[in-house]
């Protein structure tokens, strides 16, 4: 046992954050209702390098420069939401360093799966927690480079919703989402996919990392650090747009209410697969369907059609957990 382990600290860092490089999304954690988490990190971990990314800076370039320097980090940290965390997770895998997550975005599903619900819990986990290897989803579009996914990937209605929301960024995230939902409920069309040689028209496909509730369609939130499988939900387009939009509800109580008023799609419309790998061919009807989403981030794809190569990678990422 190392001294760091005996003291209750992961061996990659000291109790003051020595050996830790933390990158912060400029917009992460900004709120008039809570103290700046970045300032808290500087105070609690004075030896850590905490850097706020400029708008024109690339996270991978900053990490590569630090790793190549005279005092390379022994652990990477990220302050941000699921999108920023997913990007840093991919980098951490590339440079073979463990990852420490400080939730600070609109959605922090992955950090909650690690048992970390805020900066206080993150600091406590760093000082007294453990580093463990977890599974990730790796997605490759056609012959492109693989991307690391921590929570879920999706195509169809949800991707269209995110696309419409991003076009309305001037309205703000929540108002933009409401306007996008209205547009989708009036204009959305099913997407054609091919799986195992079988063609289908679907409202959405969700690929969740780890098991999810059996009655859930939108597997957006990783439920726990341990995965063990990919939980895939294929929502076949047998009902109308209202049911398609209702299927995106991932709260248990919300689903129960929608089911009680017969708006949530019936179980017969949702195909479930528990697999370790899958190839999914997508045939977009228009440019709006030539997209997919991972951890809340929209990715554009060829309008002529594309194939998603999906695979679970066991013990692919080392993370600090509570």
C-alpha atoms as a PDB file:
ATOM      1  CA  UNK A   1       0.000   0.000   0.000  1.00  0.00           C
ATOM      2  CA  UNK A   2       1.356   3.433  -0.923  1.00  0.00           C
ATOM      3  CA  UNK A   3       1.485   6.360   1.489  1.00  0.00           C
ATOM      4  CA  UNK A   4      -1.213   8.085  -0.523  1.00  0.00           C
ATOM      5  CA  UNK A   5      -3.494   5.082  -0.209  1.00  0.00           C
ATOM      6  CA  UNK A   6      -2.782   4.798   3.516  1.00  0.00           C
ATOM      7  CA  UNK A   7      -3.739   8.459   3.953  1.00  0.00           C
ATOM      8  CA  UNK A   8      -7.012   7.828   2.135  1.00  0.00           C
ATOM      9  CA  UNK A   9      -6.003   9.665  -1.042  1.00  0.00           C
ATOM     10  CA  UNK A  10      -5.863   8.235  -4.552  1.00  0.00           C
ATOM     11  CA  UNK A  11      -2.162   7.620  -5.315  1.00  0.00           C
ATOM     12  CA  UNK A  12      -2.354   9.922  -8.351  1.00  0.00           C
ATOM     13  CA  UNK A  13      -2.794  13.112  -6.299  1.00  0.00           C
ATOM     14  CA  UNK A  14      -1.942  14.642  -2.961  1.00  0.00           C
ATOM     15  CA  UNK A  15      -4.521  15.966  -0.478  1.00  0.00           C
ATOM     16  CA  UNK A  16      -3.799  19.483  -1.770  1.00  0.00           C
ATOM     17  CA  UNK A  17      -4.385  18.481  -5.408  1.00  0.00           C
ATOM     18  CA  UNK A  18      -0.738  18.066  -6.387  1.00  0.00           C
ATOM     19  CA  UNK A  19      -0.489  16.258  -9.720  1.00  0.00           C
ATOM     20  CA  UNK A  20      -4.008  17.257 -10.768  1.00  0.00           C
ATOM     21  CA  UNK A  21      -4.895  19.271 -13.883  1.00  0.00           C
ATOM     22  CA  UNK A  22      -8.489  20.536 -13.920  1.00  0.00           C
ATOM     23  CA  UNK A  23     -10.016  22.116 -17.009  1.00  0.00           C
ATOM     24  CA  UNK A  24     -13.144  24.167 -16.716  1.00  0.00           C
ATOM     25  CA  UNK A  25     -15.758  24.926 -19.317  1.00  0.00           C
ATOM     26  CA  UNK A  26     -16.077  28.735 -19.224  1.00  0.00           C
ATOM     27  CA  UNK A  27     -19.862  28.472 -18.819  1.00  0.00           C
ATOM     28  CA  UNK A  28     -19.824  25.602 -16.326  1.00  0.00           C
ATOM     29  CA  UNK A  29     -21.109  26.203 -12.833  1.00  0.00           C
ATOM     30  CA  UNK A  30     -22.188  29.775 -13.542  1.00  0.00           C
ATOM     31  CA  UNK A  31     -25.145  30.601 -11.323  1.00  0.00           C
ATOM     32  CA  UNK A  32     -26.399  33.485  -9.247  1.00  0.00           C
ATOM     33  CA  UNK A  33     -27.762  30.984  -6.729  1.00  0.00           C
ATOM     34  CA  UNK A  34     -24.535  29.274  -5.710  1.00  0.00           C
ATOM     35  CA  UNK A  35     -20.909  30.050  -5.061  1.00  0.00           C
ATOM     36  CA  UNK A  36     -18.449  29.711  -7.917  1.00  0.00           C
ATOM     37  CA  UNK A  37     -17.195  26.094  -7.799  1.00  0.00           C
ATOM     38  CA  UNK A  38     -13.971  27.116  -9.528  1.00  0.00           C
ATOM     39  CA  UNK A  39     -13.060  29.389  -6.632  1.00  0.00           C
ATOM     40  CA  UNK A  40     -13.824  26.550  -4.225  1.00  0.00           C
ATOM     41  CA  UNK A  41     -11.431  24.238  -6.048  1.00  0.00           C
ATOM     42  CA  UNK A  42      -8.636  26.805  -5.918  1.00  0.00           C
ATOM     43  CA  UNK A  43      -9.157  27.236  -2.190  1.00  0.00           C
ATOM     44  CA  UNK A  44      -9.456  23.549  -1.288  1.00  0.00           C
ATOM     45  CA  UNK A  45      -6.819  22.226  -3.709  1.00  0.00           C
ATOM     46  CA  UNK A  46      -4.118  24.915  -3.846  1.00  0.00           C
ATOM     47  CA  UNK A  47      -1.535  22.660  -5.518  1.00  0.00           C
ATOM     48  CA  UNK A  48      -3.852  21.666  -8.370  1.00  0.00           C
ATOM     49  CA  UNK A  49      -3.655  23.388 -11.727  1.00  0.00           C
ATOM     50  CA  UNK A  50      -7.153  24.740 -12.445  1.00  0.00           C
ATOM     51  CA  UNK A  51      -7.512  26.299 -15.865  1.00  0.00           C
ATOM     52  CA  UNK A  52     -10.504  27.921 -17.507  1.00  0.00           C
ATOM     53  CA  UNK A  53     -10.677  27.218 -21.213  1.00  0.00           C
ATOM     54  CA  UNK A  54     -10.830  30.184 -23.545  1.00  0.00           C
ATOM     55  CA  UNK A  55     -13.452  30.072 -26.333  1.00  0.00           C
ATOM     56  CA  UNK A  56     -10.810  29.306 -28.969  1.00  0.00           C
ATOM     57  CA  UNK A  57      -8.948  26.689 -26.924  1.00  0.00           C
ATOM     58  CA  UNK A  58      -9.220  22.980 -27.584  1.00  0.00           C
ATOM     59  CA  UNK A  59      -9.342  20.748 -24.522  1.00  0.00           C
ATOM     60  CA  UNK A  60      -7.247  18.023 -26.168  1.00  0.00           C
ATOM     61  CA  UNK A  61      -4.514  20.504 -27.132  1.00  0.00           C
ATOM     62  CA  UNK A  62      -4.290  21.880 -23.589  1.00  0.00           C
ATOM     63  CA  UNK A  63      -3.964  18.385 -22.120  1.00  0.00           C
ATOM     64  CA  UNK A  64      -1.402  17.309 -24.733  1.00  0.00           C
ATOM     65  CA  UNK A  65       0.750  20.338 -23.931  1.00  0.00           C
ATOM     66  CA  UNK A  66       0.553  19.625 -20.201  1.00  0.00           C
ATOM     67  CA  UNK A  67       1.374  15.934 -20.612  1.00  0.00           C
ATOM     68  CA  UNK A  68       4.412  16.803 -22.729  1.00  0.00           C
ATOM     69  CA  UNK A  69       5.647  19.367 -20.186  1.00  0.00           C
ATOM     70  CA  UNK A  70       8.302  19.076 -17.491  1.00  0.00           C
ATOM     71  CA  UNK A  71       5.724  18.413 -14.758  1.00  0.00           C
ATOM     72  CA  UNK A  72       3.007  16.317 -16.418  1.00  0.00           C
ATOM     73  CA  UNK A  73      -0.262  15.738 -14.552  1.00  0.00           C
ATOM     74  CA  UNK A  74      -0.950  12.404 -12.900  1.00  0.00           C
ATOM     75  CA  UNK A  75      -4.710  12.892 -13.042  1.00  0.00           C
ATOM     76  CA  UNK A  76      -7.116  14.922 -15.171  1.00  0.00           C
ATOM     77  CA  UNK A  77     -10.116  16.767 -13.791  1.00  0.00           C
ATOM     78  CA  UNK A  78     -13.023  18.502 -15.456  1.00  0.00           C
ATOM     79  CA  UNK A  79     -15.559  20.991 -14.142  1.00  0.00           C
ATOM     80  CA  UNK A  80     -18.607  20.968 -16.375  1.00  0.00           C
ATOM     81  CA  UNK A  81     -21.689  19.118 -17.525  1.00  0.00           C
ATOM     82  CA  UNK A  82     -22.044  15.821 -19.335  1.00  0.00           C
ATOM     83  CA  UNK A  83     -20.787  17.167 -22.662  1.00  0.00           C
ATOM     84  CA  UNK A  84     -17.542  18.527 -21.211  1.00  0.00           C
ATOM     85  CA  UNK A  85     -17.064  15.427 -19.059  1.00  0.00           C
ATOM     86  CA  UNK A  86     -17.536  13.135 -22.051  1.00  0.00           C
ATOM     87  CA  UNK A  87     -14.945  15.077 -24.051  1.00  0.00           C
ATOM     88  CA  UNK A  88     -12.442  14.932 -21.192  1.00  0.00           C
ATOM     89  CA  UNK A  89     -13.118  11.223 -20.672  1.00  0.00           C
ATOM     90  CA  UNK A  90     -12.096  10.551 -24.257  1.00  0.00           C
ATOM     91  CA  UNK A  91      -8.895  12.536 -23.733  1.00  0.00           C
ATOM     92  CA  UNK A  92      -8.174  10.740 -20.451  1.00  0.00           C
ATOM     93  CA  UNK A  93      -8.423   7.414 -22.259  1.00  0.00           C
ATOM     94  CA  UNK A  94      -6.096   8.680 -24.980  1.00  0.00           C
ATOM     95  CA  UNK A  95      -3.353   9.763 -22.554  1.00  0.00           C
ATOM     96  CA  UNK A  96      -4.047   6.912 -20.100  1.00  0.00           C
ATOM     97  CA  UNK A  97      -4.772   9.061 -17.046  1.00  0.00           C
ATOM     98  CA  UNK A  98      -7.559   8.748 -14.472  1.00  0.00           C
ATOM     99  CA  UNK A  99     -10.417  11.247 -14.478  1.00  0.00           C
ATOM    100  CA  UNK A 100     -11.907  13.314 -11.664  1.00  0.00           C
ATOM    101  CA  UNK A 101     -15.342  14.832 -12.317  1.00  0.00           C
ATOM    102  CA  UNK A 102     -16.748  17.994 -10.721  1.00  0.00           C
ATOM    103  CA  UNK A 103     -20.385  18.494 -11.778  1.00  0.00           C
ATOM    104  CA  UNK A 104     -21.039  22.001 -13.032  1.00  0.00           C
ATOM    105  CA  UNK A 105     -23.301  21.898 -16.076  1.00  0.00           C
ATOM    106  CA  UNK A 106     -26.976  21.841 -16.957  1.00  0.00           C
ATOM    107  CA  UNK A 107     -26.994  18.036 -16.906  1.00  0.00           C
ATOM    108  CA  UNK A 108     -24.663  16.057 -14.647  1.00  0.00           C
ATOM    109  CA  UNK A 109     -25.929  12.518 -15.154  1.00  0.00           C
ATOM    110  CA  UNK A 110     -22.523  10.858 -15.224  1.00  0.00           C
ATOM    111  CA  UNK A 111     -21.254  12.445 -12.019  1.00  0.00           C
ATOM    112  CA  UNK A 112     -24.398  11.292 -10.217  1.00  0.00           C
ATOM    113  CA  UNK A 113     -23.755   7.749 -11.425  1.00  0.00           C
ATOM    114  CA  UNK A 114     -20.390   8.029  -9.674  1.00  0.00           C
ATOM    115  CA  UNK A 115     -22.087   9.169  -6.460  1.00  0.00           C
ATOM    116  CA  UNK A 116     -20.918  12.774  -6.902  1.00  0.00           C
ATOM    117  CA  UNK A 117     -23.697  15.375  -6.780  1.00  0.00           C
ATOM    118  CA  UNK A 118     -21.727  18.588  -6.322  1.00  0.00           C
ATOM    119  CA  UNK A 119     -18.306  20.172  -5.717  1.00  0.00           C
ATOM    120  CA  UNK A 120     -18.277  19.166  -2.027  1.00  0.00           C
ATOM    121  CA  UNK A 121     -18.892  15.525  -2.896  1.00  0.00           C
ATOM    122  CA  UNK A 122     -16.287  15.698  -5.657  1.00  0.00           C
ATOM    123  CA  UNK A 123     -13.603  17.011  -3.302  1.00  0.00           C
ATOM    124  CA  UNK A 124     -14.535  14.413  -0.690  1.00  0.00           C
ATOM    125  CA  UNK A 125     -14.290  11.670  -3.316  1.00  0.00           C
ATOM    126  CA  UNK A 126     -10.880  12.901  -4.431  1.00  0.00           C
ATOM    127  CA  UNK A 127      -9.562  12.907  -0.884  1.00  0.00           C
ATOM    128  CA  UNK A 128     -11.184   9.774   0.435  1.00  0.00           C
ATOM    129  CA  UNK A 129     -12.545   7.873  -2.535  1.00  0.00           C
ATOM    130  CA  UNK A 130     -11.129   5.356  -4.899  1.00  0.00           C
ATOM    131  CA  UNK A 131     -10.106   5.105  -8.526  1.00  0.00           C
ATOM    132  CA  UNK A 132     -11.886   2.377 -10.434  1.00  0.00           C
ATOM    133  CA  UNK A 133     -12.126   1.277 -14.056  1.00  0.00           C
ATOM    134  CA  UNK A 134     -15.552   1.507 -15.685  1.00  0.00           C
ATOM    135  CA  UNK A 135     -17.098   0.537 -19.015  1.00  0.00           C
ATOM    136  CA  UNK A 136     -17.804   3.050 -21.755  1.00  0.00           C
ATOM    137  CA  UNK A 137     -19.646   2.998 -25.046  1.00  0.00           C
ATOM    138  CA  UNK A 138     -17.499   3.567 -28.100  1.00  0.00           C
ATOM    139  CA  UNK A 139     -19.245   4.882 -31.222  1.00  0.00           C
ATOM    140  CA  UNK A 140     -17.736   5.068 -34.679  1.00  0.00           C
ATOM    141  CA  UNK A 141     -19.544   6.670 -37.625  1.00  0.00           C
ATOM    142  CA  UNK A 142     -18.711   4.758 -40.815  1.00  0.00           C
ATOM    143  CA  UNK A 143     -14.895   4.561 -40.947  1.00  0.00           C
ATOM    144  CA  UNK A 144     -14.309   7.551 -38.671  1.00  0.00           C
ATOM    145  CA  UNK A 145     -12.483   7.757 -35.369  1.00  0.00           C
ATOM    146  CA  UNK A 146     -14.247   6.246 -32.335  1.00  0.00           C
ATOM    147  CA  UNK A 147     -15.851   8.542 -29.777  1.00  0.00           C
ATOM    148  CA  UNK A 148     -16.217   7.842 -26.077  1.00  0.00           C
ATOM    149  CA  UNK A 149     -19.756   7.917 -24.684  1.00  0.00           C
ATOM    150  CA  UNK A 150     -20.456   7.777 -20.953  1.00  0.00           C
ATOM    151  CA  UNK A 151     -24.246   7.887 -20.604  1.00  0.00           C
ATOM    152  CA  UNK A 152     -26.068   7.271 -23.861  1.00  0.00           C
ATOM    153  CA  UNK A 153     -26.180   7.817 -27.598  1.00  0.00           C
ATOM    154  CA  UNK A 154     -29.348   8.446 -29.569  1.00  0.00           C
ATOM    155  CA  UNK A 155     -30.742   9.167 -32.999  1.00  0.00           C
ATOM    156  CA  UNK A 156     -34.133  10.160 -34.326  1.00  0.00           C
ATOM    157  CA  UNK A 157     -36.503  12.438 -32.436  1.00  0.00           C
ATOM    158  CA  UNK A 158     -34.151  13.344 -29.590  1.00  0.00           C
ATOM    159  CA  UNK A 159     -31.367  14.304 -31.994  1.00  0.00           C
ATOM    160  CA  UNK A 160     -33.863  16.474 -33.865  1.00  0.00           C
ATOM    161  CA  UNK A 161     -34.914  18.097 -30.608  1.00  0.00           C
ATOM    162  CA  UNK A 162     -31.319  18.953 -29.687  1.00  0.00           C
ATOM    163  CA  UNK A 163     -30.679  20.265 -33.207  1.00  0.00           C
ATOM    164  CA  UNK A 164     -33.734  22.534 -33.068  1.00  0.00           C
ATOM    165  CA  UNK A 165     -32.766  23.749 -29.586  1.00  0.00           C
ATOM    166  CA  UNK A 166     -29.258  24.682 -30.691  1.00  0.00           C
ATOM    167  CA  UNK A 167     -30.666  26.726 -33.550  1.00  0.00           C
ATOM    168  CA  UNK A 168     -32.476  28.788 -30.927  1.00  0.00           C
ATOM    169  CA  UNK A 169     -29.588  29.399 -28.549  1.00  0.00           C
ATOM    170  CA  UNK A 170     -30.488  33.086 -28.376  1.00  0.00           C
ATOM    171  CA  UNK A 171     -33.649  32.093 -26.465  1.00  0.00           C
ATOM    172  CA  UNK A 172     -31.683  30.306 -23.762  1.00  0.00           C
ATOM    173  CA  UNK A 173     -31.438  26.564 -23.202  1.00  0.00           C
ATOM    174  CA  UNK A 174     -34.815  25.976 -21.552  1.00  0.00           C
ATOM    175  CA  UNK A 175     -36.987  28.299 -23.656  1.00  0.00           C
ATOM    176  CA  UNK A 176     -35.187  27.077 -26.753  1.00  0.00           C
ATOM    177  CA  UNK A 177     -36.016  23.505 -25.741  1.00  0.00           C
ATOM    178  CA  UNK A 178     -39.719  24.348 -25.388  1.00  0.00           C
ATOM    179  CA  UNK A 179     -39.845  25.933 -28.838  1.00  0.00           C
ATOM    180  CA  UNK A 180     -37.934  22.972 -30.264  1.00  0.00           C
ATOM    181  CA  UNK A 181     -40.405  20.548 -28.670  1.00  0.00           C
ATOM    182  CA  UNK A 182     -43.313  22.392 -30.293  1.00  0.00           C
ATOM    183  CA  UNK A 183     -41.639  22.194 -33.692  1.00  0.00           C
ATOM    184  CA  UNK A 184     -40.909  18.488 -33.285  1.00  0.00           C
ATOM    185  CA  UNK A 185     -44.460  17.654 -32.231  1.00  0.00           C
ATOM    186  CA  UNK A 186     -45.812  19.335 -35.369  1.00  0.00           C
ATOM    187  CA  UNK A 187     -43.170  18.398 -37.943  1.00  0.00           C
ATOM    188  CA  UNK A 188     -41.144  15.345 -36.844  1.00  0.00           C
ATOM    189  CA  UNK A 189     -40.975  12.353 -39.179  1.00  0.00           C
ATOM    190  CA  UNK A 190     -39.839   8.772 -38.476  1.00  0.00           C
ATOM    191  CA  UNK A 191     -36.278   7.765 -39.310  1.00  0.00           C
ATOM    192  CA  UNK A 192     -35.500   4.672 -41.354  1.00  0.00           C
ATOM    193  CA  UNK A 193     -32.882   2.310 -39.935  1.00  0.00           C
ATOM    194  CA  UNK A 194     -31.522  -1.120 -40.794  1.00  0.00           C
ATOM    195  CA  UNK A 195     -30.505  -3.523 -38.008  1.00  0.00           C
ATOM    196  CA  UNK A 196     -29.400  -7.100 -38.670  1.00  0.00           C
ATOM    197  CA  UNK A 197     -30.625  -6.738 -42.246  1.00  0.00           C
ATOM    198  CA  UNK A 198     -34.104  -5.722 -41.075  1.00  0.00           C
ATOM    199  CA  UNK A 199     -35.511  -2.354 -42.094  1.00  0.00           C
ATOM    200  CA  UNK A 200     -37.638  -0.343 -39.667  1.00  0.00           C
ATOM    201  CA  UNK A 201     -39.210   3.092 -39.332  1.00  0.00           C
ATOM    202  CA  UNK A 202     -38.551   4.427 -35.858  1.00  0.00           C
ATOM    203  CA  UNK A 203     -39.150   7.508 -33.792  1.00  0.00           C
ATOM    204  CA  UNK A 204     -35.927   7.046 -31.894  1.00  0.00           C
ATOM    205  CA  UNK A 205     -33.129   4.714 -30.897  1.00  0.00           C
ATOM    206  CA  UNK A 206     -31.399   5.016 -27.530  1.00  0.00           C
ATOM    207  CA  UNK A 207     -28.196   3.194 -26.642  1.00  0.00           C
ATOM    208  CA  UNK A 208     -27.712   3.368 -22.885  1.00  0.00           C
ATOM    209  CA  UNK A 209     -24.570   2.388 -21.011  1.00  0.00           C
ATOM    210  CA  UNK A 210     -25.697  -0.122 -18.397  1.00  0.00           C
ATOM    211  CA  UNK A 211     -29.141  -1.370 -17.455  1.00  0.00           C
ATOM    212  CA  UNK A 212     -32.164   0.933 -17.268  1.00  0.00           C
ATOM    213  CA  UNK A 213     -35.757   0.584 -16.108  1.00  0.00           C
ATOM    214  CA  UNK A 214     -37.649  -1.848 -18.316  1.00  0.00           C
ATOM    215  CA  UNK A 215     -40.445   0.655 -19.054  1.00  0.00           C
ATOM    216  CA  UNK A 216     -38.071   3.429 -20.113  1.00  0.00           C
ATOM    217  CA  UNK A 217     -37.501   4.543 -23.707  1.00  0.00           C
ATOM    218  CA  UNK A 218     -35.136   7.496 -23.310  1.00  0.00           C
ATOM    219  CA  UNK A 219     -32.151   5.945 -21.529  1.00  0.00           C
ATOM    220  CA  UNK A 220     -30.353   9.274 -21.177  1.00  0.00           C
ATOM    221  CA  UNK A 221     -29.011   8.881 -17.652  1.00  0.00           C
ATOM    222  CA  UNK A 222     -26.454   6.300 -16.614  1.00  0.00           C
ATOM    223  CA  UNK A 223     -27.839   4.724 -13.468  1.00  0.00           C
ATOM    224  CA  UNK A 224     -24.587   3.541 -11.887  1.00  0.00           C
ATOM    225  CA  UNK A 225     -20.859   3.331 -12.468  1.00  0.00           C
ATOM    226  CA  UNK A 226     -20.983  -0.387 -13.253  1.00  0.00           C
ATOM    227  CA  UNK A 227     -22.377  -1.113 -16.701  1.00  0.00           C
ATOM    228  CA  UNK A 228     -21.874  -4.655 -17.993  1.00  0.00           C
ATOM    229  CA  UNK A 229     -24.037  -4.227 -21.089  1.00  0.00           C
ATOM    230  CA  UNK A 230     -25.519  -1.824 -23.605  1.00  0.00           C
ATOM    231  CA  UNK A 231     -29.259  -1.352 -23.081  1.00  0.00           C
ATOM    232  CA  UNK A 232     -30.780  -0.461 -26.453  1.00  0.00           C
ATOM    233  CA  UNK A 233     -34.348   0.789 -26.935  1.00  0.00           C
ATOM    234  CA  UNK A 234     -35.794   1.021 -30.454  1.00  0.00           C
ATOM    235  CA  UNK A 235     -39.067   2.969 -30.507  1.00  0.00           C
ATOM    236  CA  UNK A 236     -40.927   1.822 -33.612  1.00  0.00           C
ATOM    237  CA  UNK A 237     -43.059   4.467 -35.332  1.00  0.00           C
ATOM    238  CA  UNK A 238     -46.482   2.922 -34.747  1.00  0.00           C
ATOM    239  CA  UNK A 239     -48.013   5.849 -32.884  1.00  0.00           C
ATOM    240  CA  UNK A 240     -48.250   9.587 -33.419  1.00  0.00           C
ATOM    241  CA  UNK A 241     -45.855  12.426 -32.686  1.00  0.00           C
ATOM    242  CA  UNK A 242     -47.326  13.122 -29.248  1.00  0.00           C
ATOM    243  CA  UNK A 243     -46.455   9.624 -28.072  1.00  0.00           C
ATOM    244  CA  UNK A 244     -43.044   9.963 -29.665  1.00  0.00           C
ATOM    245  CA  UNK A 245     -42.358  13.147 -27.712  1.00  0.00           C
ATOM    246  CA  UNK A 246     -43.771  11.641 -24.501  1.00  0.00           C
ATOM    247  CA  UNK A 247     -41.343   8.735 -24.858  1.00  0.00           C
ATOM    248  CA  UNK A 248     -38.472  11.122 -24.094  1.00  0.00           C
ATOM    249  CA  UNK A 249     -39.586  11.385 -20.455  1.00  0.00           C
ATOM    250  CA  UNK A 250     -36.999   9.619 -18.287  1.00  0.00           C
ATOM    251  CA  UNK A 251     -38.414  10.380 -14.825  1.00  0.00           C
ATOM    252  CA  UNK A 252     -40.252   7.433 -13.259  1.00  0.00           C
ATOM    253  CA  UNK A 253     -43.150   9.531 -11.944  1.00  0.00           C
ATOM    254  CA  UNK A 254     -43.500  11.436 -15.205  1.00  0.00           C
ATOM    255  CA  UNK A 255     -43.657   8.176 -17.133  1.00  0.00           C
ATOM    256  CA  UNK A 256     -46.328   6.871 -14.766  1.00  0.00           C
ATOM    257  CA  UNK A 257     -48.507   9.955 -15.309  1.00  0.00           C
ATOM    258  CA  UNK A 258     -48.104   9.837 -19.091  1.00  0.00           C
ATOM    259  CA  UNK A 259     -48.934   6.145 -19.093  1.00  0.00           C
ATOM    260  CA  UNK A 260     -52.040   6.743 -16.974  1.00  0.00           C
ATOM    261  CA  UNK A 261     -53.411   9.242 -19.506  1.00  0.00           C
ATOM    262  CA  UNK A 262     -52.477   6.889 -22.377  1.00  0.00           C
ATOM    263  CA  UNK A 263     -49.896   9.187 -23.921  1.00  0.00           C
ATOM    264  CA  UNK A 264     -46.756   7.148 -23.219  1.00  0.00           C
ATOM    265  CA  UNK A 265     -46.032   4.564 -25.961  1.00  0.00           C
ATOM    266  CA  UNK A 266     -47.124   0.989 -25.156  1.00  0.00           C
ATOM    267  CA  UNK A 267     -44.489  -1.655 -24.492  1.00  0.00           C
ATOM    268  CA  UNK A 268     -45.231  -3.410 -27.793  1.00  0.00           C
ATOM    269  CA  UNK A 269     -43.888  -0.372 -29.688  1.00  0.00           C
ATOM    270  CA  UNK A 270     -40.483  -0.477 -27.977  1.00  0.00           C
ATOM    271  CA  UNK A 271     -37.917  -3.137 -28.845  1.00  0.00           C
ATOM    272  CA  UNK A 272     -35.236  -3.802 -26.241  1.00  0.00           C
ATOM    273  CA  UNK A 273     -31.832  -5.363 -26.812  1.00  0.00           C
ATOM    274  CA  UNK A 274     -29.100  -6.102 -24.278  1.00  0.00           C
ATOM    275  CA  UNK A 275     -25.884  -6.440 -26.258  1.00  0.00           C
ATOM    276  CA  UNK A 276     -22.176  -5.668 -26.216  1.00  0.00           C
ATOM    277  CA  UNK A 277     -22.018  -4.473 -29.818  1.00  0.00           C
ATOM    278  CA  UNK A 278     -24.329  -3.485 -32.656  1.00  0.00           C
ATOM    279  CA  UNK A 279     -24.204  -1.976 -36.139  1.00  0.00           C
ATOM    280  CA  UNK A 280     -26.989   0.423 -36.992  1.00  0.00           C
ATOM    281  CA  UNK A 281     -27.491   1.726 -40.529  1.00  0.00           C
ATOM    282  CA  UNK A 282     -29.345   5.052 -40.756  1.00  0.00           C
ATOM    283  CA  UNK A 283     -31.097   6.283 -43.893  1.00  0.00           C
ATOM    284  CA  UNK A 284     -32.007   9.942 -43.313  1.00  0.00           C
ATOM    285  CA  UNK A 285     -35.047  11.331 -45.106  1.00  0.00           C
ATOM    286  CA  UNK A 286     -33.571  14.837 -44.934  1.00  0.00           C
ATOM    287  CA  UNK A 287     -30.703  16.839 -43.461  1.00  0.00           C
ATOM    288  CA  UNK A 288     -32.427  17.089 -40.070  1.00  0.00           C
ATOM    289  CA  UNK A 289     -32.239  13.305 -39.620  1.00  0.00           C
ATOM    290  CA  UNK A 290     -28.547  13.173 -40.535  1.00  0.00           C
ATOM    291  CA  UNK A 291     -27.442  13.534 -36.931  1.00  0.00           C
ATOM    292  CA  UNK A 292     -26.982  11.673 -33.681  1.00  0.00           C
ATOM    293  CA  UNK A 293     -26.475  12.681 -30.060  1.00  0.00           C
ATOM    294  CA  UNK A 294     -24.114  11.459 -27.356  1.00  0.00           C
ATOM    295  CA  UNK A 295     -24.116  12.721 -23.772  1.00  0.00           C
ATOM    296  CA  UNK A 296     -26.234  15.685 -24.862  1.00  0.00           C
ATOM    297  CA  UNK A 297     -23.885  16.724 -27.677  1.00  0.00           C
ATOM    298  CA  UNK A 298     -25.132  16.855 -31.271  1.00  0.00           C
ATOM    299  CA  UNK A 299     -23.043  15.307 -34.045  1.00  0.00           C
ATOM    300  CA  UNK A 300     -23.825  15.790 -37.728  1.00  0.00           C
ATOM    301  CA  UNK A 301     -23.557  12.822 -40.100  1.00  0.00           C
ATOM    302  CA  UNK A 302     -23.657  12.283 -43.884  1.00  0.00           C
ATOM    303  CA  UNK A 303     -27.056  13.076 -45.391  1.00  0.00           C
ATOM    304  CA  UNK A 304     -26.609  10.174 -47.816  1.00  0.00           C
ATOM    305  CA  UNK A 305     -26.749   7.744 -44.910  1.00  0.00           C
ATOM    306  CA  UNK A 306     -24.366   6.465 -42.275  1.00  0.00           C
ATOM    307  CA  UNK A 307     -23.613   3.489 -40.064  1.00  0.00           C
ATOM    308  CA  UNK A 308     -23.143   3.687 -36.313  1.00  0.00           C
ATOM    309  CA  UNK A 309     -20.733   1.037 -35.038  1.00  0.00           C
ATOM    310  CA  UNK A 310     -21.477   0.599 -31.337  1.00  0.00           C
ATOM    311  CA  UNK A 311     -19.495  -1.411 -28.821  1.00  0.00           C
ATOM    312  CA  UNK A 312     -19.083  -1.611 -25.078  1.00  0.00           C
ATOM    313  CA  UNK A 313     -15.463  -1.330 -23.958  1.00  0.00           C
ATOM    314  CA  UNK A 314     -14.999  -2.946 -20.523  1.00  0.00           C
ATOM    315  CA  UNK A 315     -12.872  -1.184 -17.887  1.00  0.00           C
ATOM    316  CA  UNK A 316     -11.933   1.477 -20.430  1.00  0.00           C
ATOM    317  CA  UNK A 317     -11.828   4.555 -18.190  1.00  0.00           C
ATOM    318  CA  UNK A 318     -10.394   5.063 -14.703  1.00  0.00           C
ATOM    319  CA  UNK A 319     -12.478   7.485 -12.631  1.00  0.00           C
ATOM    320  CA  UNK A 320     -12.613   8.766  -9.072  1.00  0.00           C
ATOM    321  CA  UNK A 321     -15.800   7.568  -7.373  1.00  0.00           C
ATOM    322  CA  UNK A 322     -17.357   8.216  -3.997  1.00  0.00           C
END
